[in-house]
Amino acid sequence: MPTSVGTIEKTVLTTDRQIAPRYRVLLHNDEFNGMEYVVECLVQTVPALTAPQAIDIMMQAHNSGKGLVIICELEHAEFYCETLCSKGLTSTIEPDD
């Protein structure tokens, strides 16, 4: 019985994945909200933050006028910013260069 050797062709597909642009969520200092309230809002809004991290962000905003909350994709940045603003805090987003 004759045997034949077949050739198996393998196609490799490559896709160019681009990294989504990142955005900085900033917390701005204000004269209205207490420090404990700001820390509580940060921890409730951004699940990745611990209380000590939230305290550092709040102090950065208090001492220099603004603090970096998180760097993330636009959809998350908008959500975090809007949520912080809805709690009476001042927050903005900007592209992370």
PDB file of N, CA and C in Angstrom:
ATOM      1  N   MET A   1       0.847  -1.160   0.000  1.00  0.00           N
ATOM      2  CA  MET A   1       0.000   0.000   0.000  1.00  0.00           C
ATOM      3  C   MET A   1       0.898   1.230   0.000  1.00  0.00           C
ATOM      4  N   PRO A   2       0.704   2.087  -0.986  1.00  0.00           N
ATOM      5  CA  PRO A   2       1.560   3.280  -1.063  1.00  0.00           C
ATOM      6  C   PRO A   2       1.179   4.276   0.036  1.00  0.00           C
ATOM      7  N   THR A   3       2.180   4.951   0.527  1.00  0.00           N
ATOM      8  CA  THR A   3       1.935   5.992   1.530  1.00  0.00           C
ATOM      9  C   THR A   3       2.263   7.343   0.922  1.00  0.00           C
ATOM     10  N   SER A   4       1.558   8.331   1.334  1.00  0.00           N
ATOM     11  CA  SER A   4       1.843   9.676   0.830  1.00  0.00           C
ATOM     12  C   SER A   4       2.064  10.602   2.022  1.00  0.00           C
ATOM     13  N   VAL A   5       2.901  11.516   1.783  1.00  0.00           N
ATOM     14  CA  VAL A   5       3.191  12.494   2.823  1.00  0.00           C
ATOM     15  C   VAL A   5       2.492  13.780   2.425  1.00  0.00           C
ATOM     16  N   GLY A   6       1.603  14.237   3.270  1.00  0.00           N
ATOM     17  CA  GLY A   6       0.874  15.473   2.983  1.00  0.00           C
ATOM     18  C   GLY A   6       1.568  16.655   3.640  1.00  0.00           C
ATOM     19  N   THR A   7       1.344  17.773   3.075  1.00  0.00           N
ATOM     20  CA  THR A   7       1.897  19.000   3.633  1.00  0.00           C
ATOM     21  C   THR A   7       0.778  19.758   4.333  1.00  0.00           C
ATOM     22  N   ILE A   8       1.043  20.098   5.544  1.00  0.00           N
ATOM     23  CA  ILE A   8       0.073  20.892   6.296  1.00  0.00           C
ATOM     24  C   ILE A   8       0.573  22.325   6.314  1.00  0.00           C
ATOM     25  N   GLU A   9      -0.275  23.192   5.840  1.00  0.00           N
ATOM     26  CA  GLU A   9       0.096  24.602   5.845  1.00  0.00           C
ATOM     27  C   GLU A   9      -0.477  25.254   7.094  1.00  0.00           C
ATOM     28  N   LYS A  10       0.342  26.043   7.685  1.00  0.00           N
ATOM     29  CA  LYS A  10      -0.082  26.739   8.892  1.00  0.00           C
ATOM     30  C   LYS A  10      -0.092  28.231   8.594  1.00  0.00           C
ATOM     31  N   THR A  11      -1.216  28.818   8.807  1.00  0.00           N
ATOM     32  CA  THR A  11      -1.336  30.250   8.582  1.00  0.00           C
ATOM     33  C   THR A  11      -1.266  30.958   9.927  1.00  0.00           C
ATOM     34  N   VAL A  12      -0.385  31.902  10.001  1.00  0.00           N
ATOM     35  CA  VAL A  12      -0.247  32.668  11.228  1.00  0.00           C
ATOM     36  C   VAL A  12      -0.863  34.036  10.986  1.00  0.00           C
ATOM     37  N   LEU A  13      -1.838  34.347  11.790  1.00  0.00           N
ATOM     38  CA  LEU A  13      -2.476  35.649  11.686  1.00  0.00           C
ATOM     39  C   LEU A  13      -1.881  36.571  12.735  1.00  0.00           C
ATOM     40  N   THR A  14      -1.548  37.727  12.306  1.00  0.00           N
ATOM     41  CA  THR A  14      -1.063  38.705  13.269  1.00  0.00           C
ATOM     42  C   THR A  14      -2.010  39.894  13.258  1.00  0.00           C
ATOM     43  N   THR A  15      -2.230  40.394  14.397  1.00  0.00           N
ATOM     44  CA  THR A  15      -3.056  41.585  14.501  1.00  0.00           C
ATOM     45  C   THR A  15      -2.254  42.649  15.219  1.00  0.00           C
ATOM     46  N   ASP A  16      -2.380  43.822  14.730  1.00  0.00           N
ATOM     47  CA  ASP A  16      -1.712  44.941  15.382  1.00  0.00           C
ATOM     48  C   ASP A  16      -2.642  45.491  16.446  1.00  0.00           C
ATOM     49  N   ARG A  17      -2.282  45.251  17.663  1.00  0.00           N
ATOM     50  CA  ARG A  17      -3.069  45.789  18.766  1.00  0.00           C
ATOM     51  C   ARG A  17      -2.422  47.075  19.234  1.00  0.00           C
ATOM     52  N   GLN A  18      -3.228  48.072  19.268  1.00  0.00           N
ATOM     53  CA  GLN A  18      -2.719  49.341  19.754  1.00  0.00           C
ATOM     54  C   GLN A  18      -3.157  49.515  21.201  1.00  0.00           C
ATOM     55  N   ILE A  19      -2.273  50.054  21.965  1.00  0.00           N
ATOM     56  CA  ILE A  19      -2.590  50.313  23.360  1.00  0.00           C
ATOM     57  C   ILE A  19      -3.512  51.521  23.417  1.00  0.00           C
ATOM     58  N   ALA A  20      -4.593  51.369  24.150  1.00  0.00           N
ATOM     59  CA  ALA A  20      -5.550  52.465  24.280  1.00  0.00           C
ATOM     60  C   ALA A  20      -4.881  53.635  24.995  1.00  0.00           C
ATOM     61  N   PRO A  21      -5.203  54.838  24.572  1.00  0.00           N
ATOM     62  CA  PRO A  21      -4.632  56.010  25.256  1.00  0.00           C
ATOM     63  C   PRO A  21      -5.015  56.011  26.733  1.00  0.00           C
ATOM     64  N   ARG A  22      -4.139  56.518  27.543  1.00  0.00           N
ATOM     65  CA  ARG A  22      -4.363  56.554  28.989  1.00  0.00           C
ATOM     66  C   ARG A  22      -4.666  57.997  29.409  1.00  0.00           C
ATOM     67  N   TYR A  23      -5.426  58.111  30.465  1.00  0.00           N
ATOM     68  CA  TYR A  23      -5.830  59.422  30.971  1.00  0.00           C
ATOM     69  C   TYR A  23      -5.578  59.505  32.467  1.00  0.00           C
ATOM     70  N   ARG A  24      -5.243  60.709  32.901  1.00  0.00           N
ATOM     71  CA  ARG A  24      -4.985  60.980  34.309  1.00  0.00           C
ATOM     72  C   ARG A  24      -6.249  61.551  34.938  1.00  0.00           C
ATOM     73  N   VAL A  25      -6.681  60.959  36.024  1.00  0.00           N
ATOM     74  CA  VAL A  25      -7.805  61.498  36.792  1.00  0.00           C
ATOM     75  C   VAL A  25      -7.196  62.330  37.917  1.00  0.00           C
ATOM     76  N   LEU A  26      -7.560  63.599  37.953  1.00  0.00           N
ATOM     77  CA  LEU A  26      -6.998  64.515  38.935  1.00  0.00           C
ATOM     78  C   LEU A  26      -8.051  64.941  39.950  1.00  0.00           C
ATOM     79  N   LEU A  27      -7.631  65.075  41.180  1.00  0.00           N
ATOM     80  CA  LEU A  27      -8.463  65.609  42.248  1.00  0.00           C
ATOM     81  C   LEU A  27      -7.931  66.995  42.572  1.00  0.00           C
ATOM     82  N   HIS A  28      -8.816  67.981  42.581  1.00  0.00           N
ATOM     83  CA  HIS A  28      -8.413  69.357  42.874  1.00  0.00           C
ATOM     84  C   HIS A  28      -8.795  69.720  44.306  1.00  0.00           C
ATOM     85  N   ASN A  29      -7.952  70.519  44.918  1.00  0.00           N
ATOM     86  CA  ASN A  29      -8.220  70.962  46.281  1.00  0.00           C
ATOM     87  C   ASN A  29      -9.447  71.868  46.301  1.00  0.00           C
ATOM     88  N   ASP A  30     -10.199  71.789  47.376  1.00  0.00           N
ATOM     89  CA  ASP A  30     -11.299  72.733  47.575  1.00  0.00           C
ATOM     90  C   ASP A  30     -11.353  73.100  49.051  1.00  0.00           C
ATOM     91  N   GLU A  31     -12.071  74.142  49.346  1.00  0.00           N
ATOM     92  CA  GLU A  31     -12.169  74.627  50.721  1.00  0.00           C
ATOM     93  C   GLU A  31     -13.460  74.186  51.397  1.00  0.00           C
ATOM     94  N   PHE A  32     -14.203  73.281  50.760  1.00  0.00           N
ATOM     95  CA  PHE A  32     -15.527  72.929  51.244  1.00  0.00           C
ATOM     96  C   PHE A  32     -15.589  71.566  51.916  1.00  0.00           C
ATOM     97  N   ASN A  33     -14.916  70.587  51.368  1.00  0.00           N
ATOM     98  CA  ASN A  33     -15.043  69.209  51.853  1.00  0.00           C
ATOM     99  C   ASN A  33     -13.964  68.879  52.875  1.00  0.00           C
ATOM    100  N   GLY A  34     -14.374  68.149  53.909  1.00  0.00           N
ATOM    101  CA  GLY A  34     -13.425  67.720  54.928  1.00  0.00           C
ATOM    102  C   GLY A  34     -12.506  66.632  54.398  1.00  0.00           C
ATOM    103  N   MET A  35     -11.352  66.525  55.002  1.00  0.00           N
ATOM    104  CA  MET A  35     -10.353  65.559  54.541  1.00  0.00           C
ATOM    105  C   MET A  35     -10.860  64.122  54.648  1.00  0.00           C
ATOM    106  N   GLU A  36     -11.529  63.793  55.727  1.00  0.00           N
ATOM    107  CA  GLU A  36     -12.045  62.428  55.891  1.00  0.00           C
ATOM    108  C   GLU A  36     -13.067  62.093  54.812  1.00  0.00           C
ATOM    109  N   TYR A  37     -13.918  63.062  54.475  1.00  0.00           N
ATOM    110  CA  TYR A  37     -14.925  62.839  53.443  1.00  0.00           C
ATOM    111  C   TYR A  37     -14.258  62.590  52.088  1.00  0.00           C
ATOM    112  N   VAL A  38     -13.225  63.358  51.779  1.00  0.00           N
ATOM    113  CA  VAL A  38     -12.514  63.197  50.503  1.00  0.00           C
ATOM    114  C   VAL A  38     -11.903  61.802  50.419  1.00  0.00           C
ATOM    115  N   VAL A  39     -11.262  61.352  51.481  1.00  0.00           N
ATOM    116  CA  VAL A  39     -10.653  60.017  51.508  1.00  0.00           C
ATOM    117  C   VAL A  39     -11.727  58.952  51.319  1.00  0.00           C
ATOM    118  N   GLU A  40     -12.841  59.102  52.012  1.00  0.00           N
ATOM    119  CA  GLU A  40     -13.945  58.149  51.889  1.00  0.00           C
ATOM    120  C   GLU A  40     -14.462  58.092  50.449  1.00  0.00           C
ATOM    121  N   CYS A  41     -14.628  59.237  49.820  1.00  0.00           N
ATOM    122  CA  CYS A  41     -15.108  59.284  48.431  1.00  0.00           C
ATOM    123  C   CYS A  41     -14.126  58.612  47.478  1.00  0.00           C
ATOM    124  N   LEU A  42     -12.837  58.856  47.669  1.00  0.00           N
ATOM    125  CA  LEU A  42     -11.824  58.244  46.805  1.00  0.00           C
ATOM    126  C   LEU A  42     -11.865  56.724  46.909  1.00  0.00           C
ATOM    127  N   VAL A  43     -11.920  56.204  48.128  1.00  0.00           N
ATOM    128  CA  VAL A  43     -11.924  54.753  48.332  1.00  0.00           C
ATOM    129  C   VAL A  43     -13.197  54.128  47.764  1.00  0.00           C
ATOM    130  N   GLN A  44     -14.332  54.803  47.919  1.00  0.00           N
ATOM    131  CA  GLN A  44     -15.596  54.282  47.392  1.00  0.00           C
ATOM    132  C   GLN A  44     -15.637  54.322  45.867  1.00  0.00           C
ATOM    133  N   THR A  45     -15.011  55.322  45.272  1.00  0.00           N
ATOM    134  CA  THR A  45     -15.104  55.525  43.825  1.00  0.00           C
ATOM    135  C   THR A  45     -14.112  54.684  43.045  1.00  0.00           C
ATOM    136  N   VAL A  46     -12.893  54.577  43.537  1.00  0.00           N
ATOM    137  CA  VAL A  46     -11.830  53.858  42.823  1.00  0.00           C
ATOM    138  C   VAL A  46     -11.477  52.601  43.620  1.00  0.00           C
ATOM    139  N   PRO A  47     -11.998  51.444  43.205  1.00  0.00           N
ATOM    140  CA  PRO A  47     -11.797  50.211  43.975  1.00  0.00           C
ATOM    141  C   PRO A  47     -10.332  49.830  44.193  1.00  0.00           C
ATOM    142  N   ALA A  48      -9.459  50.251  43.301  1.00  0.00           N
ATOM    143  CA  ALA A  48      -8.048  49.877  43.420  1.00  0.00           C
ATOM    144  C   ALA A  48      -7.326  50.644  44.529  1.00  0.00           C
ATOM    145  N   LEU A  49      -7.932  51.698  45.059  1.00  0.00           N
ATOM    146  CA  LEU A  49      -7.267  52.522  46.066  1.00  0.00           C
ATOM    147  C   LEU A  49      -7.473  51.973  47.475  1.00  0.00           C
ATOM    148  N   THR A  50      -6.391  51.981  48.229  1.00  0.00           N
ATOM    149  CA  THR A  50      -6.477  51.676  49.656  1.00  0.00           C
ATOM    150  C   THR A  50      -6.646  52.998  50.409  1.00  0.00           C
ATOM    151  N   ALA A  51      -7.010  52.913  51.659  1.00  0.00           N
ATOM    152  CA  ALA A  51      -7.165  54.127  52.463  1.00  0.00           C
ATOM    153  C   ALA A  51      -5.856  54.929  52.549  1.00  0.00           C
ATOM    154  N   PRO A  52      -4.695  54.289  52.787  1.00  0.00           N
ATOM    155  CA  PRO A  52      -3.451  55.070  52.813  1.00  0.00           C
ATOM    156  C   PRO A  52      -3.153  55.761  51.476  1.00  0.00           C
ATOM    157  N   GLN A  53      -3.459  55.101  50.363  1.00  0.00           N
ATOM    158  CA  GLN A  53      -3.252  55.738  49.060  1.00  0.00           C
ATOM    159  C   GLN A  53      -4.185  56.935  48.898  1.00  0.00           C
ATOM    160  N   ALA A  54      -5.432  56.779  49.325  1.00  0.00           N
ATOM    161  CA  ALA A  54      -6.399  57.870  49.229  1.00  0.00           C
ATOM    162  C   ALA A  54      -5.967  59.058  50.089  1.00  0.00           C
ATOM    163  N   ILE A  55      -5.409  58.773  51.257  1.00  0.00           N
ATOM    164  CA  ILE A  55      -4.903  59.848  52.118  1.00  0.00           C
ATOM    165  C   ILE A  55      -3.776  60.592  51.422  1.00  0.00           C
ATOM    166  N   ASP A  56      -2.858  59.855  50.791  1.00  0.00           N
ATOM    167  CA  ASP A  56      -1.749  60.486  50.063  1.00  0.00           C
ATOM    168  C   ASP A  56      -2.266  61.385  48.942  1.00  0.00           C
ATOM    169  N   ILE A  57      -3.270  60.914  48.194  1.00  0.00           N
ATOM    170  CA  ILE A  57      -3.843  61.698  47.092  1.00  0.00           C
ATOM    171  C   ILE A  57      -4.503  62.959  47.639  1.00  0.00           C
ATOM    172  N   MET A  58      -5.262  62.811  48.710  1.00  0.00           N
ATOM    173  CA  MET A  58      -5.932  63.950  49.324  1.00  0.00           C
ATOM    174  C   MET A  58      -4.918  64.978  49.810  1.00  0.00           C
ATOM    175  N   MET A  59      -3.840  64.519  50.434  1.00  0.00           N
ATOM    176  CA  MET A  59      -2.810  65.438  50.931  1.00  0.00           C
ATOM    177  C   MET A  59      -2.076  66.122  49.786  1.00  0.00           C
ATOM    178  N   GLN A  60      -1.840  65.386  48.708  1.00  0.00           N
ATOM    179  CA  GLN A  60      -1.199  65.979  47.533  1.00  0.00           C
ATOM    180  C   GLN A  60      -2.075  67.104  46.984  1.00  0.00           C
ATOM    181  N   ALA A  61      -3.375  66.856  46.880  1.00  0.00           N
ATOM    182  CA  ALA A  61      -4.298  67.890  46.397  1.00  0.00           C
ATOM    183  C   ALA A  61      -4.345  69.062  47.376  1.00  0.00           C
ATOM    184  N   HIS A  62      -4.361  68.772  48.651  1.00  0.00           N
ATOM    185  CA  HIS A  62      -4.436  69.817  49.676  1.00  0.00           C
ATOM    186  C   HIS A  62      -3.193  70.705  49.647  1.00  0.00           C
ATOM    187  N   ASN A  63      -2.027  70.091  49.495  1.00  0.00           N
ATOM    188  CA  ASN A  63      -0.769  70.841  49.565  1.00  0.00           C
ATOM    189  C   ASN A  63      -0.360  71.509  48.261  1.00  0.00           C
ATOM    190  N   SER A  64      -0.677  70.885  47.123  1.00  0.00           N
ATOM    191  CA  SER A  64      -0.197  71.446  45.851  1.00  0.00           C
ATOM    192  C   SER A  64      -1.319  71.885  44.913  1.00  0.00           C
ATOM    193  N   GLY A  65      -2.563  71.704  45.328  1.00  0.00           N
ATOM    194  CA  GLY A  65      -3.678  72.148  44.490  1.00  0.00           C
ATOM    195  C   GLY A  65      -4.346  71.047  43.702  1.00  0.00           C
ATOM    196  N   LYS A  66      -3.600  69.981  43.405  1.00  0.00           N
ATOM    197  CA  LYS A  66      -4.209  68.837  42.721  1.00  0.00           C
ATOM    198  C   LYS A  66      -3.406  67.582  43.011  1.00  0.00           C
ATOM    199  N   GLY A  67      -4.109  66.455  42.962  1.00  0.00           N
ATOM    200  CA  GLY A  67      -3.473  65.168  43.209  1.00  0.00           C
ATOM    201  C   GLY A  67      -3.871  64.172  42.144  1.00  0.00           C
ATOM    202  N   LEU A  68      -2.950  63.294  41.791  1.00  0.00           N
ATOM    203  CA  LEU A  68      -3.203  62.261  40.788  1.00  0.00           C
ATOM    204  C   LEU A  68      -3.925  61.093  41.443  1.00  0.00           C
ATOM    205  N   VAL A  69      -5.147  60.829  40.982  1.00  0.00           N
ATOM    206  CA  VAL A  69      -5.945  59.742  41.543  1.00  0.00           C
ATOM    207  C   VAL A  69      -5.557  58.417  40.908  1.00  0.00           C
ATOM    208  N   ILE A  70      -5.590  58.362  39.568  1.00  0.00           N
ATOM    209  CA  ILE A  70      -5.305  57.119  38.850  1.00  0.00           C
ATOM    210  C   ILE A  70      -5.047  57.452  37.389  1.00  0.00           C
ATOM    211  N   ILE A  71      -4.314  56.585  36.708  1.00  0.00           N
ATOM    212  CA  ILE A  71      -4.124  56.671  35.261  1.00  0.00           C
ATOM    213  C   ILE A  71      -4.789  55.441  34.666  1.00  0.00           C
ATOM    214  N   CYS A  72      -5.718  55.657  33.722  1.00  0.00           N
ATOM    215  CA  CYS A  72      -6.488  54.541  33.182  1.00  0.00           C
ATOM    216  C   CYS A  72      -7.047  54.905  31.807  1.00  0.00           C
ATOM    217  N   GLU A  73      -7.796  53.985  31.218  1.00  0.00           N
ATOM    218  CA  GLU A  73      -8.414  54.232  29.924  1.00  0.00           C
ATOM    219  C   GLU A  73      -9.523  55.268  30.066  1.00  0.00           C
ATOM    220  N   LEU A  74      -9.878  55.896  28.949  1.00  0.00           N
ATOM    221  CA  LEU A  74     -10.810  57.021  28.951  1.00  0.00           C
ATOM    222  C   LEU A  74     -12.145  56.698  29.612  1.00  0.00           C
ATOM    223  N   GLU A  75     -12.732  55.561  29.276  1.00  0.00           N
ATOM    224  CA  GLU A  75     -14.049  55.227  29.817  1.00  0.00           C
ATOM    225  C   GLU A  75     -14.031  55.168  31.345  1.00  0.00           C
ATOM    226  N   HIS A  76     -13.005  54.547  31.898  1.00  0.00           N
ATOM    227  CA  HIS A  76     -12.882  54.481  33.353  1.00  0.00           C
ATOM    228  C   HIS A  76     -12.586  55.863  33.934  1.00  0.00           C
ATOM    229  N   ALA A  77     -11.718  56.611  33.267  1.00  0.00           N
ATOM    230  CA  ALA A  77     -11.369  57.949  33.752  1.00  0.00           C
ATOM    231  C   ALA A  77     -12.606  58.839  33.823  1.00  0.00           C
ATOM    232  N   GLU A  78     -13.438  58.785  32.788  1.00  0.00           N
ATOM    233  CA  GLU A  78     -14.666  59.585  32.787  1.00  0.00           C
ATOM    234  C   GLU A  78     -15.590  59.162  33.926  1.00  0.00           C
ATOM    235  N   PHE A  79     -15.702  57.865  34.127  1.00  0.00           N
ATOM    236  CA  PHE A  79     -16.561  57.365  35.205  1.00  0.00           C
ATOM    237  C   PHE A  79     -16.065  57.845  36.568  1.00  0.00           C
ATOM    238  N   TYR A  80     -14.766  57.692  36.833  1.00  0.00           N
ATOM    239  CA  TYR A  80     -14.216  58.109  38.123  1.00  0.00           C
ATOM    240  C   TYR A  80     -14.390  59.612  38.332  1.00  0.00           C
ATOM    241  N   CYS A  81     -14.083  60.385  37.305  1.00  0.00           N
ATOM    242  CA  CYS A  81     -14.196  61.839  37.395  1.00  0.00           C
ATOM    243  C   CYS A  81     -15.640  62.256  37.673  1.00  0.00           C
ATOM    244  N   GLU A  82     -16.572  61.714  36.905  1.00  0.00           N
ATOM    245  CA  GLU A  82     -17.984  62.061  37.081  1.00  0.00           C
ATOM    246  C   GLU A  82     -18.493  61.640  38.458  1.00  0.00           C
ATOM    247  N   THR A  83     -18.061  60.485  38.928  1.00  0.00           N
ATOM    248  CA  THR A  83     -18.499  60.012  40.240  1.00  0.00           C
ATOM    249  C   THR A  83     -17.964  60.911  41.349  1.00  0.00           C
ATOM    250  N   LEU A  84     -16.693  61.282  41.263  1.00  0.00           N
ATOM    251  CA  LEU A  84     -16.129  62.182  42.270  1.00  0.00           C
ATOM    252  C   LEU A  84     -16.854  63.526  42.257  1.00  0.00           C
ATOM    253  N   CYS A  85     -17.128  64.041  41.067  1.00  0.00           N
ATOM    254  CA  CYS A  85     -17.848  65.319  40.957  1.00  0.00           C
ATOM    255  C   CYS A  85     -19.259  65.211  41.527  1.00  0.00           C
ATOM    256  N   SER A  86     -19.908  64.075  41.314  1.00  0.00           N
ATOM    257  CA  SER A  86     -21.269  63.892  41.835  1.00  0.00           C
ATOM    258  C   SER A  86     -21.291  63.856  43.363  1.00  0.00           C
ATOM    259  N   LYS A  87     -20.138  63.597  43.967  1.00  0.00           N
ATOM    260  CA  LYS A  87     -20.035  63.576  45.427  1.00  0.00           C
ATOM    261  C   LYS A  87     -19.592  64.935  45.972  1.00  0.00           C
ATOM    262  N   GLY A  88     -19.534  65.929  45.095  1.00  0.00           N
ATOM    263  CA  GLY A  88     -19.189  67.276  45.524  1.00  0.00           C
ATOM    264  C   GLY A  88     -17.710  67.608  45.474  1.00  0.00           C
ATOM    265  N   LEU A  89     -16.896  66.709  44.932  1.00  0.00           N
ATOM    266  CA  LEU A  89     -15.466  66.976  44.800  1.00  0.00           C
ATOM    267  C   LEU A  89     -15.192  67.591  43.431  1.00  0.00           C
ATOM    268  N   THR A  90     -14.020  68.178  43.282  1.00  0.00           N
ATOM    269  CA  THR A  90     -13.623  68.751  41.998  1.00  0.00           C
ATOM    270  C   THR A  90     -12.589  67.828  41.369  1.00  0.00           C
ATOM    271  N   SER A  91     -12.920  67.316  40.186  1.00  0.00           N
ATOM    272  CA  SER A  91     -12.050  66.364  39.503  1.00  0.00           C
ATOM    273  C   SER A  91     -12.059  66.658  38.014  1.00  0.00           C
ATOM    274  N   THR A  92     -10.924  66.422  37.376  1.00  0.00           N
ATOM    275  CA  THR A  92     -10.804  66.570  35.924  1.00  0.00           C
ATOM    276  C   THR A  92      -9.998  65.403  35.382  1.00  0.00           C
ATOM    277  N   ILE A  93     -10.033  65.249  34.051  1.00  0.00           N
ATOM    278  CA  ILE A  93      -9.171  64.263  33.401  1.00  0.00           C
ATOM    279  C   ILE A  93      -8.332  64.973  32.355  1.00  0.00           C
ATOM    280  N   GLU A  94      -7.169  64.407  32.088  1.00  0.00           N
ATOM    281  CA  GLU A  94      -6.289  64.925  31.042  1.00  0.00           C
ATOM    282  C   GLU A  94      -5.517  63.756  30.455  1.00  0.00           C
ATOM    283  N   PRO A  95      -5.106  63.881  29.186  1.00  0.00           N
ATOM    284  CA  PRO A  95      -4.322  62.799  28.573  1.00  0.00           C
ATOM    285  C   PRO A  95      -3.014  62.585  29.334  1.00  0.00           C
ATOM    286  N   ASP A  96      -2.616  61.341  29.439  1.00  0.00           N
ATOM    287  CA  ASP A  96      -1.339  61.004  30.057  1.00  0.00           C
ATOM    288  C   ASP A  96      -0.306  60.928  28.949  1.00  0.00           C
ATOM    289  N   ASP A  97       0.568  61.896  28.917  1.00  0.00           N
ATOM    290  CA  ASP A  97       1.559  61.949  27.829  1.00  0.00           C
ATOM    291  C   ASP A  97       2.604  60.945  28.025  1.00  0.00           C
TER     292      ASP A  97
END
